[in-house]
Structure formats: structure tokens, C-alpha cells
């Protein structure tokens, strides 16, 4: 594997940016099928736990699904909102994006949050 000279945390930051950008244009399952087989070996080689990374990836994909312009979950919420303007739906999703970013930060600081339940099985 080619070494890009990135620390593990820089690799994670690059993946966060990549998945958030792609989440604006591509649906979640497609992101998993296209990118995960290529980048998962690099994530494992960087020393991240596979279960922890999959939890982080799930949060990243959901963040991508609620960010405009093509956040598919925004269209779903707009459809069931009863005629609310799309801009109102987008404004309503902004706090959730920040909460998910905060959860990602907590998972980066304390990986045991994602690994506690699997460790007792």
C-alpha cells in the first residue's frame, strides 16, 4: 500500500470531509459500496478498530443524508411535513448536523463509547 504520509487522525479527518462531501450528492448505500472496499484496508492499517470505524461511518453517512443539496432524508422529511418550505426543513436539520459532529468528536476522544457493548458480548 502506498504511504500518503498522513497520521491516523489526518486520515480520519480526510475521510470525514470525503464522506460529508459525497453525502451531499450520493445516497448512503452507494457510498458504502463504492468507497468502503477501497478505504477500509487503509483505515485498519492506520490502527483504527473496525467496529469503531463502522460506527463513525454510520454517523457520517447519516450526516451526509441530511445535508443539502441532495440529502435524501431532507426530501423524505419535506414530503411528510405537510407543505413546509424546503428551506425550513434544511434549517431544522442544521442542529442535528452539529450534534452529530459533536458525537464524532466524542467518539474520537473516547472510542470506548462505541466499543463498550461489543466488548461485553
Protein backbone atom coordinates (compact mmCIF):
# COMPACT_ATOMS: atom_id res chain seq x y z
CA UNK A 1 0.00 0.00 0.00
CA UNK A 2 1.27 3.47 -0.82
CA UNK A 3 2.03 5.61 2.19
CA UNK A 4 0.49 9.07 1.85
CA UNK A 5 2.31 10.40 4.90
CA UNK A 6 -0.89 11.01 6.85
CA UNK A 7 -1.21 10.42 10.54
CA UNK A 8 -4.18 8.24 11.53
CA UNK A 9 -6.13 11.29 12.70
CA UNK A 10 -5.44 13.18 9.48
CA UNK A 11 -6.70 10.13 7.57
CA UNK A 12 -9.86 10.17 9.68
CA UNK A 13 -10.32 13.90 9.06
CA UNK A 14 -9.89 13.34 5.31
CA UNK A 15 -12.50 10.56 5.44
CA UNK A 16 -14.91 12.79 7.38
CA UNK A 17 -14.57 15.51 4.75
CA UNK A 18 -14.87 12.99 1.90
CA UNK A 19 -18.00 11.33 3.27
CA UNK A 20 -19.66 14.64 4.12
CA UNK A 21 -18.97 15.95 0.62
CA UNK A 22 -20.16 12.78 -1.08
CA UNK A 23 -23.19 12.62 1.19
CA UNK A 24 -24.41 15.83 -0.39
CA UNK A 25 -24.67 14.13 -3.79
CA UNK A 26 -24.74 10.32 -3.38
CA UNK A 27 -27.05 8.13 -1.32
CA UNK A 28 -25.64 6.22 1.66
CA UNK A 29 -25.64 2.67 0.33
CA UNK A 30 -23.82 3.77 -2.81
CA UNK A 31 -21.14 5.46 -0.70
CA UNK A 32 -20.65 2.27 1.26
CA UNK A 33 -20.43 0.06 -1.84
CA UNK A 34 -18.12 2.39 -3.76
CA UNK A 35 -15.71 3.74 -1.16
CA UNK A 36 -15.59 1.34 1.77
CA UNK A 37 -13.88 -1.58 -0.04
CA UNK A 38 -11.12 0.76 -1.16
CA UNK A 39 -10.55 2.68 2.08
CA UNK A 40 -11.30 0.08 4.76
CA UNK A 41 -7.85 -1.58 4.48
CA UNK A 42 -6.22 1.84 4.91
CA UNK A 43 -8.33 2.51 8.00
CA UNK A 44 -7.36 -0.85 9.51
CA UNK A 45 -3.69 -0.26 8.63
CA UNK A 46 -3.89 3.11 10.40
CA UNK A 47 -4.78 1.24 13.59
CA UNK A 48 -8.46 2.05 13.97
CA UNK A 49 -10.81 -0.59 15.36
CA UNK A 50 -13.14 -1.91 12.63
CA UNK A 51 -16.25 -1.73 14.82
CA UNK A 52 -15.42 1.81 15.93
CA UNK A 53 -14.87 2.90 12.34
CA UNK A 54 -18.17 1.41 11.21
CA UNK A 55 -20.00 3.31 13.95
CA UNK A 56 -18.26 6.51 12.84
CA UNK A 57 -19.06 5.70 9.21
CA UNK A 58 -22.75 5.22 10.02
CA UNK A 59 -22.87 8.66 11.63
CA UNK A 60 -21.02 10.21 8.69
CA UNK A 61 -23.38 8.69 6.17
CA UNK A 62 -26.41 9.89 8.09
CA UNK A 63 -24.88 13.37 8.27
CA UNK A 64 -24.49 13.27 4.52
CA UNK A 65 -28.12 12.29 4.13
CA UNK A 66 -29.35 15.41 5.95
CA UNK A 67 -27.11 17.96 4.23
CA UNK A 68 -28.28 19.84 1.15
CA UNK A 69 -28.42 19.93 -1.86
CA UNK A 70 -29.18 16.22 -2.34
CA UNK A 71 -29.70 14.99 1.21
CA UNK A 72 -32.23 12.24 0.57
CA UNK A 73 -33.60 12.31 4.11
CA UNK A 74 -34.37 16.01 3.67
CA UNK A 75 -36.63 15.16 0.74
CA UNK A 76 -38.36 12.50 2.83
CA UNK A 77 -38.99 14.91 5.68
CA UNK A 78 -40.13 17.57 3.23
CA UNK A 79 -42.63 15.12 1.76
CA UNK A 80 -44.19 14.23 5.11
CA UNK A 81 -44.02 17.74 6.59
CA UNK A 82 -47.37 18.78 5.21
CA UNK A 83 -46.26 21.55 2.88
CA UNK A 84 -43.44 23.18 4.85
CA UNK A 85 -40.96 25.00 2.62
CA UNK A 86 -37.79 23.06 1.83
CA UNK A 87 -35.67 25.85 3.34
CA UNK A 88 -37.44 25.33 6.66
CA UNK A 89 -36.67 21.61 6.53
CA UNK A 90 -32.99 22.39 5.86
CA UNK A 91 -32.87 24.90 8.73
CA UNK A 92 -34.42 22.29 11.00
CA UNK A 93 -31.68 19.78 10.15
CA UNK A 94 -28.76 22.09 10.98
CA UNK A 95 -28.78 21.43 14.76
CA UNK A 96 -28.69 17.69 14.09
CA UNK A 97 -25.58 18.08 11.93
CA UNK A 98 -23.81 19.89 14.77
CA UNK A 99 -24.93 17.26 17.29
CA UNK A 100 -23.57 14.51 15.05
CA UNK A 101 -20.26 16.38 14.69
CA UNK A 102 -20.10 16.60 18.48
CA UNK A 103 -20.78 12.85 18.77
CA UNK A 104 -17.98 12.18 16.26
CA UNK A 105 -15.66 14.27 18.39
CA UNK A 106 -16.68 12.31 21.49
CA UNK A 107 -16.10 9.02 19.65
CA UNK A 108 -12.65 10.21 18.60
CA UNK A 109 -11.77 11.17 22.18
CA UNK A 110 -13.38 8.12 23.84
CA UNK A 111 -13.52 5.20 21.40
CA UNK A 112 -14.79 3.03 24.22
CA UNK A 113 -18.22 4.62 23.78
CA UNK A 114 -18.63 2.66 20.56
CA UNK A 115 -16.77 -0.42 21.74
CA UNK A 116 -18.31 -0.94 25.17
CA UNK A 117 -21.32 -3.02 24.13
CA UNK A 118 -19.40 -5.33 21.75
CA UNK A 119 -16.75 -5.85 24.44
CA UNK A 120 -19.27 -7.39 26.87
CA UNK A 121 -20.65 -9.87 24.33
